[in-house]
N, C-alpha and C. Protein backbone atom coordinates (compact mmCIF):
# COMPACT_ATOMS: atom_id res chain seq x y z
N MET A 1 -19.83 -138.94 141.43
CA MET A 1 -20.80 -138.13 140.69
C MET A 1 -20.24 -137.77 139.32
N SER A 2 -21.15 -137.70 138.42
CA SER A 2 -20.71 -137.33 137.05
C SER A 2 -20.54 -135.82 136.96
N GLU A 3 -19.57 -135.40 136.10
CA GLU A 3 -19.30 -133.96 135.91
C GLU A 3 -20.43 -133.33 135.13
N PRO A 4 -20.74 -132.05 135.45
CA PRO A 4 -21.81 -131.37 134.70
C PRO A 4 -21.42 -131.22 133.23
N TYR A 5 -22.40 -131.38 132.43
CA TYR A 5 -22.18 -131.28 130.97
C TYR A 5 -22.05 -129.81 130.56
N SER A 6 -21.05 -129.51 129.77
CA SER A 6 -20.90 -128.13 129.23
C SER A 6 -20.90 -128.19 127.72
N ALA A 7 -21.68 -127.31 127.13
CA ALA A 7 -21.80 -127.30 125.66
C ALA A 7 -20.50 -126.83 125.04
N PRO A 8 -20.11 -127.45 123.92
CA PRO A 8 -18.87 -127.02 123.24
C PRO A 8 -18.99 -125.60 122.70
N THR A 9 -17.93 -124.83 122.86
CA THR A 9 -17.94 -123.44 122.35
C THR A 9 -17.52 -123.43 120.90
N ALA A 10 -18.15 -122.58 120.14
CA ALA A 10 -17.83 -122.48 118.70
C ALA A 10 -16.54 -121.70 118.52
N SER A 11 -15.65 -122.23 117.74
CA SER A 11 -14.37 -121.53 117.47
C SER A 11 -14.59 -120.43 116.45
N SER A 12 -13.91 -119.30 116.66
CA SER A 12 -14.06 -118.18 115.73
C SER A 12 -13.41 -118.50 114.40
N PRO A 13 -14.03 -118.07 113.31
CA PRO A 13 -13.46 -118.37 111.97
C PRO A 13 -12.09 -117.71 111.82
N VAL A 14 -11.20 -118.40 111.16
CA VAL A 14 -9.84 -117.89 110.94
C VAL A 14 -9.79 -117.13 109.63
N ASP A 15 -9.29 -115.92 109.68
CA ASP A 15 -9.13 -115.11 108.47
C ASP A 15 -8.00 -115.69 107.63
N PRO A 16 -8.31 -116.12 106.40
CA PRO A 16 -7.25 -116.73 105.59
C PRO A 16 -6.12 -115.76 105.28
N ASN A 17 -6.38 -114.45 105.41
CA ASN A 17 -5.35 -113.46 105.10
C ASN A 17 -4.53 -113.07 106.33
N TYR A 18 -4.87 -113.66 107.48
CA TYR A 18 -4.24 -113.24 108.73
C TYR A 18 -2.83 -113.82 108.84
N ASN A 19 -1.84 -112.90 109.09
CA ASN A 19 -0.45 -113.31 109.32
C ASN A 19 0.15 -114.09 108.15
N GLN A 20 -0.28 -113.71 106.92
CA GLN A 20 0.34 -114.34 105.76
C GLN A 20 1.74 -113.76 105.59
N PRO A 21 2.76 -114.58 105.50
CA PRO A 21 4.12 -114.05 105.34
C PRO A 21 4.29 -113.37 103.98
N ALA A 22 5.01 -112.24 103.97
CA ALA A 22 5.25 -111.53 102.71
C ALA A 22 6.19 -112.33 101.82
N LYS A 23 5.79 -112.47 100.58
CA LYS A 23 6.57 -113.25 99.63
C LYS A 23 7.46 -112.32 98.80
N GLY A 24 8.39 -112.94 98.08
CA GLY A 24 9.22 -112.15 97.18
C GLY A 24 8.38 -111.56 96.06
N ASN A 25 8.86 -110.46 95.49
CA ASN A 25 8.10 -109.76 94.46
C ASN A 25 8.93 -109.70 93.18
N GLY A 26 8.65 -110.63 92.27
CA GLY A 26 9.40 -110.67 91.01
C GLY A 26 9.21 -109.42 90.17
N PHE A 27 7.97 -108.91 90.17
CA PHE A 27 7.71 -107.69 89.40
C PHE A 27 8.47 -106.51 90.00
N GLY A 28 8.54 -106.47 91.32
CA GLY A 28 9.26 -105.39 91.98
C GLY A 28 10.74 -105.43 91.69
N ILE A 29 11.31 -106.64 91.72
CA ILE A 29 12.74 -106.78 91.41
C ILE A 29 13.02 -106.37 89.97
N THR A 30 12.13 -106.78 89.06
CA THR A 30 12.29 -106.40 87.65
C THR A 30 12.23 -104.88 87.50
N ALA A 31 11.27 -104.26 88.21
CA ALA A 31 11.14 -102.79 88.15
C ALA A 31 12.39 -102.13 88.69
N LEU A 32 12.95 -102.66 89.77
CA LEU A 32 14.15 -102.09 90.37
C LEU A 32 15.34 -102.16 89.41
N VAL A 33 15.53 -103.33 88.80
CA VAL A 33 16.65 -103.50 87.86
C VAL A 33 16.49 -102.58 86.66
N LEU A 34 15.28 -102.55 86.09
CA LEU A 34 15.04 -101.67 84.94
C LEU A 34 15.23 -100.20 85.32
N GLY A 35 14.79 -99.84 86.53
CA GLY A 35 14.94 -98.45 86.97
C GLY A 35 16.39 -98.05 87.12
N ILE A 36 17.21 -98.93 87.69
CA ILE A 36 18.64 -98.62 87.86
C ILE A 36 19.33 -98.46 86.51
N VAL A 37 19.06 -99.40 85.59
CA VAL A 37 19.68 -99.32 84.26
C VAL A 37 19.21 -98.06 83.53
N ALA A 38 17.93 -97.73 83.66
CA ALA A 38 17.39 -96.54 83.00
C ALA A 38 18.05 -95.27 83.51
N VAL A 39 18.27 -95.18 84.82
CA VAL A 39 18.92 -94.00 85.40
C VAL A 39 20.35 -93.87 84.88
N VAL A 40 21.06 -94.98 84.78
CA VAL A 40 22.44 -94.95 84.28
C VAL A 40 22.48 -94.42 82.86
N PHE A 41 21.59 -94.90 82.01
CA PHE A 41 21.59 -94.46 80.61
C PHE A 41 21.03 -93.05 80.45
N SER A 42 20.20 -92.62 81.38
CA SER A 42 19.58 -91.30 81.24
C SER A 42 20.57 -90.16 81.31
N ILE A 43 21.72 -90.37 81.98
CA ILE A 43 22.70 -89.29 82.13
C ILE A 43 23.76 -89.33 81.03
N ILE A 44 23.65 -90.29 80.11
CA ILE A 44 24.63 -90.41 79.02
C ILE A 44 24.04 -89.78 77.77
N PRO A 45 24.66 -88.72 77.25
CA PRO A 45 24.14 -88.10 76.02
C PRO A 45 24.05 -89.12 74.89
N ILE A 46 23.05 -88.94 74.05
CA ILE A 46 22.76 -89.79 72.89
C ILE A 46 22.17 -91.14 73.33
N LEU A 47 22.83 -91.84 74.27
CA LEU A 47 22.30 -93.12 74.74
C LEU A 47 21.10 -92.93 75.67
N GLY A 48 20.80 -91.71 75.99
CA GLY A 48 19.69 -91.43 76.90
C GLY A 48 18.35 -91.91 76.38
N PHE A 49 18.24 -92.14 75.05
CA PHE A 49 16.96 -92.60 74.51
C PHE A 49 16.57 -93.96 75.08
N ILE A 50 17.57 -94.73 75.54
CA ILE A 50 17.28 -96.03 76.13
C ILE A 50 16.44 -95.86 77.40
N ALA A 51 16.68 -94.76 78.12
CA ALA A 51 15.91 -94.50 79.33
C ALA A 51 14.45 -94.26 79.02
N PHE A 52 14.14 -93.76 77.81
CA PHE A 52 12.75 -93.53 77.44
C PHE A 52 12.00 -94.85 77.24
N VAL A 53 12.75 -95.93 77.06
CA VAL A 53 12.13 -97.25 76.92
C VAL A 53 12.10 -97.97 78.27
N LEU A 54 13.26 -98.02 78.93
CA LEU A 54 13.35 -98.77 80.19
C LEU A 54 12.63 -98.07 81.34
N GLY A 55 12.65 -96.74 81.35
CA GLY A 55 11.99 -96.00 82.42
C GLY A 55 10.50 -96.33 82.53
N PRO A 56 9.73 -96.18 81.44
CA PRO A 56 8.31 -96.52 81.51
C PRO A 56 8.07 -97.99 81.86
N LEU A 57 8.96 -98.88 81.38
CA LEU A 57 8.81 -100.29 81.73
C LEU A 57 8.99 -100.50 83.24
N ALA A 58 9.95 -99.78 83.83
CA ALA A 58 10.16 -99.87 85.28
C ALA A 58 8.91 -99.40 86.02
N VAL A 59 8.28 -98.34 85.52
CA VAL A 59 7.06 -97.83 86.15
C VAL A 59 5.94 -98.87 86.06
N ILE A 60 5.80 -99.47 84.88
CA ILE A 60 4.73 -100.47 84.69
C ILE A 60 4.92 -101.66 85.62
N PHE A 61 6.15 -102.20 85.64
CA PHE A 61 6.41 -103.35 86.51
C PHE A 61 6.27 -102.96 88.00
N GLY A 62 6.66 -101.72 88.32
CA GLY A 62 6.52 -101.27 89.69
C GLY A 62 5.06 -101.20 90.11
N VAL A 63 4.19 -100.69 89.24
CA VAL A 63 2.76 -100.61 89.54
C VAL A 63 2.17 -102.01 89.70
N ILE A 64 2.54 -102.92 88.79
CA ILE A 64 2.04 -104.30 88.90
C ILE A 64 2.50 -104.92 90.22
N GLY A 65 3.78 -104.69 90.57
CA GLY A 65 4.30 -105.23 91.82
C GLY A 65 3.55 -104.72 93.03
N LEU A 66 3.10 -103.46 92.98
CA LEU A 66 2.36 -102.89 94.11
C LEU A 66 0.97 -103.50 94.26
N THR A 67 0.43 -104.01 93.17
CA THR A 67 -0.92 -104.58 93.23
C THR A 67 -0.92 -106.04 93.66
N ARG A 68 0.24 -106.65 93.72
CA ARG A 68 0.30 -108.06 94.11
C ARG A 68 0.12 -108.19 95.63
N LYS A 69 -0.71 -109.12 96.04
CA LYS A 69 -0.97 -109.32 97.47
C LYS A 69 0.13 -110.17 98.11
N PHE A 70 0.35 -109.90 99.37
CA PHE A 70 1.29 -110.67 100.19
C PHE A 70 2.70 -110.65 99.62
N THR A 71 3.10 -109.56 99.02
CA THR A 71 4.45 -109.43 98.49
C THR A 71 5.10 -108.18 99.06
N LYS A 72 6.40 -108.18 99.11
CA LYS A 72 7.14 -107.01 99.59
C LYS A 72 7.02 -105.88 98.56
N LYS A 73 6.74 -104.69 99.05
CA LYS A 73 6.47 -103.55 98.16
C LYS A 73 7.68 -102.65 97.94
N GLY A 74 8.73 -102.83 98.75
CA GLY A 74 9.87 -101.90 98.68
C GLY A 74 10.52 -101.82 97.32
N THR A 75 10.78 -102.98 96.72
CA THR A 75 11.44 -102.97 95.41
C THR A 75 10.53 -102.36 94.35
N SER A 76 9.23 -102.60 94.46
CA SER A 76 8.29 -102.03 93.48
C SER A 76 8.28 -100.51 93.56
N ILE A 77 8.24 -99.98 94.78
CA ILE A 77 8.22 -98.52 94.95
C ILE A 77 9.52 -97.90 94.45
N THR A 78 10.66 -98.51 94.82
CA THR A 78 11.96 -97.98 94.39
C THR A 78 12.10 -98.02 92.88
N GLY A 79 11.70 -99.15 92.27
CA GLY A 79 11.78 -99.27 90.82
C GLY A 79 10.90 -98.26 90.11
N LEU A 80 9.69 -98.04 90.66
CA LEU A 80 8.77 -97.06 90.07
C LEU A 80 9.37 -95.66 90.12
N ILE A 81 9.92 -95.30 91.28
CA ILE A 81 10.52 -93.97 91.43
C ILE A 81 11.70 -93.78 90.50
N LEU A 82 12.57 -94.80 90.43
CA LEU A 82 13.73 -94.71 89.54
C LEU A 82 13.30 -94.59 88.08
N GLY A 83 12.23 -95.29 87.71
CA GLY A 83 11.73 -95.18 86.33
C GLY A 83 11.30 -93.78 85.99
N VAL A 84 10.56 -93.15 86.92
CA VAL A 84 10.10 -91.77 86.70
C VAL A 84 11.29 -90.81 86.64
N VAL A 85 12.23 -90.96 87.58
CA VAL A 85 13.41 -90.09 87.63
C VAL A 85 14.24 -90.23 86.36
N SER A 86 14.40 -91.44 85.87
CA SER A 86 15.22 -91.66 84.67
C SER A 86 14.64 -90.94 83.46
N VAL A 87 13.32 -90.96 83.33
CA VAL A 87 12.69 -90.28 82.20
C VAL A 87 12.88 -88.77 82.31
N ILE A 88 12.72 -88.22 83.52
CA ILE A 88 12.90 -86.78 83.72
C ILE A 88 14.33 -86.36 83.42
N VAL A 89 15.30 -87.13 83.94
CA VAL A 89 16.72 -86.81 83.70
C VAL A 89 17.04 -86.92 82.21
N ALA A 90 16.51 -87.95 81.55
CA ALA A 90 16.77 -88.14 80.12
C ALA A 90 16.23 -86.96 79.32
N ILE A 91 15.06 -86.44 79.70
CA ILE A 91 14.49 -85.29 79.01
C ILE A 91 15.38 -84.07 79.18
N ILE A 92 15.87 -83.85 80.41
CA ILE A 92 16.74 -82.69 80.67
C ILE A 92 18.04 -82.80 79.88
N VAL A 93 18.70 -83.97 79.95
CA VAL A 93 19.97 -84.16 79.24
C VAL A 93 19.78 -84.03 77.74
N THR A 94 18.71 -84.62 77.21
CA THR A 94 18.45 -84.53 75.77
C THR A 94 18.22 -83.09 75.34
N SER A 95 17.50 -82.33 76.17
CA SER A 95 17.25 -80.91 75.85
C SER A 95 18.54 -80.11 75.82
N ILE A 96 19.42 -80.38 76.80
CA ILE A 96 20.71 -79.66 76.86
C ILE A 96 21.56 -79.99 75.63
N VAL A 97 21.62 -81.28 75.28
CA VAL A 97 22.42 -81.71 74.12
C VAL A 97 21.86 -81.10 72.85
N ALA A 98 20.53 -81.10 72.71
CA ALA A 98 19.90 -80.54 71.51
C ALA A 98 20.18 -79.05 71.39
N ALA A 99 20.11 -78.33 72.53
CA ALA A 99 20.38 -76.89 72.51
C ALA A 99 21.83 -76.61 72.14
N ALA A 100 22.75 -77.42 72.67
CA ALA A 100 24.16 -77.25 72.35
C ALA A 100 24.43 -77.53 70.87
N ALA A 101 23.82 -78.59 70.35
CA ALA A 101 24.00 -78.93 68.93
C ALA A 101 23.43 -77.84 68.04
N ASN A 102 22.30 -77.28 68.43
CA ASN A 102 21.69 -76.20 67.66
C ASN A 102 22.57 -74.95 67.67
N SER A 103 23.17 -74.67 68.83
CA SER A 103 24.06 -73.52 68.94
C SER A 103 25.29 -73.67 68.06
N VAL A 104 25.86 -74.88 68.06
CA VAL A 104 27.03 -75.15 67.21
C VAL A 104 26.66 -75.02 65.75
N SER A 105 25.50 -75.55 65.38
CA SER A 105 25.06 -75.48 63.99
C SER A 105 24.87 -74.03 63.54
N GLU A 106 24.26 -73.22 64.41
CA GLU A 106 24.07 -71.81 64.07
C GLU A 106 25.42 -71.09 63.94
N SER A 107 26.36 -71.44 64.82
CA SER A 107 27.67 -70.81 64.76
C SER A 107 28.41 -71.17 63.48
N LEU A 108 28.28 -72.43 63.06
CA LEU A 108 28.97 -72.88 61.85
C LEU A 108 28.37 -72.30 60.59
N ASN A 109 27.09 -71.94 60.63
CA ASN A 109 26.41 -71.43 59.44
C ASN A 109 26.24 -69.92 59.44
N ALA A 110 26.67 -69.26 60.51
CA ALA A 110 26.51 -67.81 60.59
C ALA A 110 27.47 -67.10 59.64
N GLU A 111 27.00 -66.01 59.06
CA GLU A 111 27.84 -65.19 58.18
C GLU A 111 28.49 -64.06 58.97
N HIS A 112 29.74 -63.77 58.61
CA HIS A 112 30.49 -62.71 59.27
C HIS A 112 31.09 -61.77 58.23
N LYS A 113 31.13 -60.50 58.57
CA LYS A 113 31.75 -59.50 57.70
C LYS A 113 33.18 -59.26 58.19
N VAL A 114 34.14 -59.57 57.34
CA VAL A 114 35.55 -59.37 57.67
C VAL A 114 36.07 -58.17 56.88
N GLU A 115 36.75 -57.28 57.58
CA GLU A 115 37.28 -56.07 56.94
C GLU A 115 38.78 -55.98 57.21
N TYR A 116 39.55 -55.92 56.13
CA TYR A 116 40.99 -55.72 56.24
C TYR A 116 41.28 -54.24 55.99
N VAL A 117 42.09 -53.64 56.88
CA VAL A 117 42.41 -52.21 56.75
C VAL A 117 43.93 -52.04 56.85
N VAL A 118 44.51 -51.31 55.89
CA VAL A 118 45.95 -51.03 55.88
C VAL A 118 46.16 -49.53 55.73
N THR A 119 47.04 -48.98 56.56
CA THR A 119 47.46 -47.59 56.37
C THR A 119 48.97 -47.59 56.12
N THR A 120 49.40 -46.76 55.19
CA THR A 120 50.82 -46.67 54.85
C THR A 120 51.12 -45.28 54.31
N ASN A 121 52.34 -44.82 54.53
CA ASN A 121 52.74 -43.51 54.00
C ASN A 121 53.65 -43.66 52.78
N GLY A 122 53.61 -44.85 52.20
CA GLY A 122 54.41 -45.08 51.00
C GLY A 122 53.99 -46.39 50.33
N PRO A 123 54.68 -46.76 49.25
CA PRO A 123 54.36 -48.01 48.54
C PRO A 123 54.52 -49.22 49.47
N ALA A 124 53.65 -50.20 49.29
CA ALA A 124 53.69 -51.39 50.14
C ALA A 124 53.04 -52.56 49.40
N LYS A 125 53.28 -53.75 49.95
CA LYS A 125 52.66 -54.96 49.40
C LYS A 125 51.77 -55.56 50.48
N VAL A 126 50.57 -55.94 50.07
CA VAL A 126 49.60 -56.51 51.01
C VAL A 126 49.35 -57.97 50.66
N ASN A 127 49.35 -58.81 51.69
CA ASN A 127 49.02 -60.22 51.52
C ASN A 127 47.90 -60.56 52.51
N TYR A 128 46.82 -61.15 52.04
CA TYR A 128 45.69 -61.44 52.93
C TYR A 128 45.01 -62.75 52.52
N TRP A 129 44.30 -63.35 53.48
CA TRP A 129 43.55 -64.58 53.24
C TRP A 129 42.13 -64.21 52.80
N ASN A 130 41.72 -64.71 51.63
CA ASN A 130 40.42 -64.33 51.08
C ASN A 130 39.33 -65.37 51.27
N GLY A 131 39.61 -66.41 52.04
CA GLY A 131 38.63 -67.46 52.26
C GLY A 131 38.87 -68.69 51.43
N ASP A 132 39.47 -68.52 50.28
CA ASP A 132 39.80 -69.64 49.39
C ASP A 132 41.30 -69.83 49.25
N GLY A 133 42.04 -68.82 49.61
CA GLY A 133 43.48 -68.88 49.47
C GLY A 133 44.10 -67.53 49.79
N SER A 134 45.37 -67.40 49.46
CA SER A 134 46.09 -66.15 49.74
C SER A 134 46.10 -65.25 48.51
N SER A 135 45.91 -63.95 48.75
CA SER A 135 45.93 -62.95 47.67
C SER A 135 46.97 -61.89 47.97
N ASN A 136 47.53 -61.30 46.90
CA ASN A 136 48.55 -60.25 47.03
C ASN A 136 48.13 -59.03 46.23
N GLU A 137 48.43 -57.88 46.78
CA GLU A 137 48.17 -56.62 46.06
C GLU A 137 49.29 -55.63 46.37
N ASP A 138 49.67 -54.85 45.34
CA ASP A 138 50.61 -53.75 45.53
C ASP A 138 49.79 -52.48 45.72
N ILE A 139 50.11 -51.73 46.76
CA ILE A 139 49.36 -50.50 47.04
C ILE A 139 50.33 -49.34 47.18
N ALA A 140 49.80 -48.14 47.01
CA ALA A 140 50.62 -46.94 47.16
C ALA A 140 50.07 -46.01 48.23
N ALA A 141 48.89 -46.36 48.78
CA ALA A 141 48.26 -45.53 49.81
C ALA A 141 47.40 -46.43 50.69
N ASP A 142 46.64 -45.81 51.58
CA ASP A 142 45.78 -46.59 52.47
C ASP A 142 44.87 -47.51 51.67
N TRP A 143 44.59 -48.66 52.26
CA TRP A 143 43.88 -49.72 51.50
C TRP A 143 42.86 -50.41 52.42
N LYS A 144 41.76 -50.87 51.82
CA LYS A 144 40.71 -51.54 52.58
C LYS A 144 40.09 -52.63 51.72
N LYS A 145 39.74 -53.76 52.37
CA LYS A 145 39.12 -54.88 51.67
C LYS A 145 38.06 -55.50 52.57
N GLU A 146 36.86 -55.77 52.00
CA GLU A 146 35.79 -56.37 52.77
C GLU A 146 35.43 -57.74 52.19
N LEU A 147 35.23 -58.70 53.10
CA LEU A 147 34.85 -60.06 52.71
C LEU A 147 33.68 -60.53 53.57
N THR A 148 32.86 -61.39 53.01
CA THR A 148 31.81 -62.05 53.79
C THR A 148 32.13 -63.53 53.84
N VAL A 149 32.30 -64.04 55.06
CA VAL A 149 32.66 -65.45 55.23
C VAL A 149 31.57 -66.14 56.04
N LYS A 150 31.52 -67.45 55.92
CA LYS A 150 30.49 -68.24 56.60
C LYS A 150 31.13 -69.18 57.60
N GLY A 151 30.59 -69.20 58.82
CA GLY A 151 31.09 -70.10 59.84
C GLY A 151 32.46 -69.71 60.35
N PHE A 152 33.25 -70.71 60.69
CA PHE A 152 34.59 -70.48 61.24
C PHE A 152 35.58 -70.33 60.10
N GLU A 153 36.27 -69.23 60.07
CA GLU A 153 37.23 -68.96 59.00
C GLU A 153 38.45 -68.24 59.57
N ILE A 154 39.62 -68.64 59.09
CA ILE A 154 40.86 -67.98 59.51
C ILE A 154 41.01 -66.68 58.74
N THR A 155 41.46 -65.64 59.44
CA THR A 155 41.72 -64.36 58.79
C THR A 155 43.18 -63.97 59.04
N SER A 156 43.83 -63.45 58.01
CA SER A 156 45.22 -63.01 58.17
C SER A 156 45.50 -61.87 57.20
N LEU A 157 46.35 -60.96 57.63
CA LEU A 157 46.70 -59.79 56.83
C LEU A 157 48.13 -59.37 57.16
N THR A 158 48.94 -59.21 56.11
CA THR A 158 50.32 -58.76 56.28
C THR A 158 50.61 -57.64 55.30
N VAL A 159 51.23 -56.59 55.78
CA VAL A 159 51.62 -55.48 54.92
C VAL A 159 53.12 -55.25 55.08
N THR A 160 53.82 -55.11 53.95
CA THR A 160 55.27 -54.90 53.95
C THR A 160 55.59 -53.64 53.16
N GLY A 161 56.33 -52.73 53.79
CA GLY A 161 56.68 -51.48 53.12
C GLY A 161 57.79 -51.67 52.08
N ASP A 162 58.10 -50.59 51.37
CA ASP A 162 59.11 -50.62 50.30
C ASP A 162 60.49 -50.91 50.90
N PHE A 163 61.27 -51.72 50.17
CA PHE A 163 62.59 -52.13 50.66
C PHE A 163 63.64 -51.03 50.52
N SER A 164 63.35 -50.01 49.73
CA SER A 164 64.37 -48.99 49.47
C SER A 164 64.23 -47.75 50.33
N THR A 165 63.09 -47.56 50.94
CA THR A 165 62.87 -46.35 51.75
C THR A 165 62.20 -46.71 53.07
N GLU A 166 62.40 -45.81 54.03
CA GLU A 166 61.74 -46.01 55.31
C GLU A 166 60.26 -45.63 55.18
N SER A 167 59.42 -46.37 55.89
CA SER A 167 57.98 -46.09 55.85
C SER A 167 57.34 -46.55 57.16
N SER A 168 56.09 -46.22 57.29
CA SER A 168 55.30 -46.62 58.46
C SER A 168 54.03 -47.31 57.97
N VAL A 169 53.82 -48.53 58.43
CA VAL A 169 52.65 -49.29 57.96
C VAL A 169 51.85 -49.80 59.18
N THR A 170 50.55 -49.98 58.98
CA THR A 170 49.66 -50.50 60.01
C THR A 170 48.64 -51.42 59.38
N CYS A 171 48.39 -52.54 60.03
CA CYS A 171 47.34 -53.45 59.57
C CYS A 171 46.30 -53.61 60.68
N GLU A 172 45.05 -53.90 60.29
CA GLU A 172 43.98 -54.12 61.25
C GLU A 172 42.93 -55.03 60.63
N ILE A 173 42.41 -55.93 61.44
CA ILE A 173 41.33 -56.83 61.01
C ILE A 173 40.11 -56.56 61.88
N LEU A 174 38.98 -56.32 61.23
CA LEU A 174 37.73 -56.12 61.94
C LEU A 174 36.76 -57.24 61.54
N VAL A 175 36.09 -57.81 62.52
CA VAL A 175 35.07 -58.83 62.28
C VAL A 175 33.74 -58.31 62.80
N ASP A 176 32.78 -58.19 61.91
CA ASP A 176 31.46 -57.65 62.26
C ASP A 176 31.59 -56.30 62.96
N GLY A 177 32.53 -55.50 62.48
CA GLY A 177 32.70 -54.15 63.00
C GLY A 177 33.55 -54.04 64.24
N THR A 178 34.04 -55.15 64.76
CA THR A 178 34.88 -55.14 65.96
C THR A 178 36.31 -55.47 65.61
N SER A 179 37.25 -54.63 66.07
CA SER A 179 38.66 -54.87 65.80
C SER A 179 39.13 -56.09 66.59
N VAL A 180 39.71 -57.08 65.88
CA VAL A 180 40.19 -58.30 66.54
C VAL A 180 41.70 -58.43 66.50
N SER A 181 42.35 -57.62 65.66
CA SER A 181 43.81 -57.66 65.59
C SER A 181 44.32 -56.38 64.95
N LYS A 182 45.39 -55.81 65.53
CA LYS A 182 45.97 -54.59 64.98
C LYS A 182 47.46 -54.56 65.29
N ASN A 183 48.26 -54.15 64.31
CA ASN A 183 49.71 -54.11 64.49
C ASN A 183 50.30 -53.06 63.57
N SER A 184 51.53 -52.66 63.85
CA SER A 184 52.17 -51.64 63.02
C SER A 184 53.68 -51.87 62.99
N GLY A 185 54.34 -51.24 62.02
CA GLY A 185 55.79 -51.35 61.88
C GLY A 185 56.34 -50.12 61.18
N THR A 186 57.61 -49.84 61.45
CA THR A 186 58.27 -48.69 60.82
C THR A 186 59.67 -49.07 60.40
N GLY A 187 60.23 -48.25 59.49
CA GLY A 187 61.60 -48.47 59.04
C GLY A 187 61.65 -48.94 57.60
N THR A 188 62.85 -49.32 57.16
CA THR A 188 63.03 -49.87 55.82
C THR A 188 62.40 -51.26 55.77
N ALA A 189 61.60 -51.50 54.74
CA ALA A 189 60.86 -52.76 54.60
C ALA A 189 60.01 -53.02 55.86
N ALA A 190 59.40 -51.95 56.35
CA ALA A 190 58.55 -52.07 57.54
C ALA A 190 57.47 -53.12 57.31
N MET A 191 57.17 -53.89 58.35
CA MET A 191 56.18 -54.96 58.20
C MET A 191 55.25 -54.99 59.42
N ALA A 192 53.99 -55.26 59.14
CA ALA A 192 53.00 -55.45 60.19
C ALA A 192 52.13 -56.65 59.81
N SER A 193 51.84 -57.48 60.79
CA SER A 193 51.07 -58.71 60.54
C SER A 193 49.93 -58.82 61.53
N CYS A 194 48.75 -59.19 61.04
CA CYS A 194 47.56 -59.37 61.87
C CYS A 194 46.93 -60.71 61.53
N SER A 195 46.28 -61.32 62.53
CA SER A 195 45.60 -62.59 62.29
C SER A 195 44.47 -62.77 63.30
N GLY A 196 43.56 -63.66 62.97
CA GLY A 196 42.42 -63.93 63.84
C GLY A 196 41.52 -64.96 63.18
N THR A 197 40.29 -65.06 63.70
CA THR A 197 39.29 -65.95 63.12
C THR A 197 37.99 -65.17 62.96
N SER A 198 37.09 -65.74 62.17
CA SER A 198 35.83 -65.05 61.89
C SER A 198 34.94 -64.92 63.11
N ASN A 199 35.16 -65.74 64.14
CA ASN A 199 34.36 -65.63 65.36
C ASN A 199 35.13 -65.00 66.51
N SER A 200 36.23 -64.31 66.19
CA SER A 200 37.05 -63.68 67.24
C SER A 200 36.30 -62.57 67.95
N ALA A 201 35.30 -61.98 67.29
CA ALA A 201 34.60 -60.83 67.87
C ALA A 201 33.65 -61.25 68.97
N LYS A 202 33.36 -62.56 69.14
CA LYS A 202 32.41 -63.01 70.15
C LYS A 202 33.03 -62.96 71.53
């Protein structure tokens, strides 16, 4: 006997996207490399500007890599994140460097009031730094001198009593109203020496 006839069954259509193996992602690798380099440069003062170029590029390549079908997304995501982080770090480092540079500039250009003060009970000789060089004065009583200096400046003051008689001398340096150095001496040719800088009061 012949076998009963059975109609052929229709095969289900195959999804062309089904079980497609993930391919390499060139854009993702590029984003990852750019992101790593950008992060390295972002923590280096001055050179951090390079991160402002490479960081956004890493983000762009990372986004493109994420839109590619059938490709691995890990490198794209990592590169994108590193690109964003590098820009943020570069902004922070640049802000810190700029603030420090501004502080130094203000310190170098700031004006300070320097006051030299000498007390003596007899004739004496005073030697002091006036900003341009050394100056000398002979005094017979208490003495005071005021100077205005700009930025960082060395200050020094020395008073020497008379060589023929005993005396008592005192020197003091004040910067912006704050005493930064004080000394005294007694005896024949008594001597007192004071020194400091224009920013000693800080």
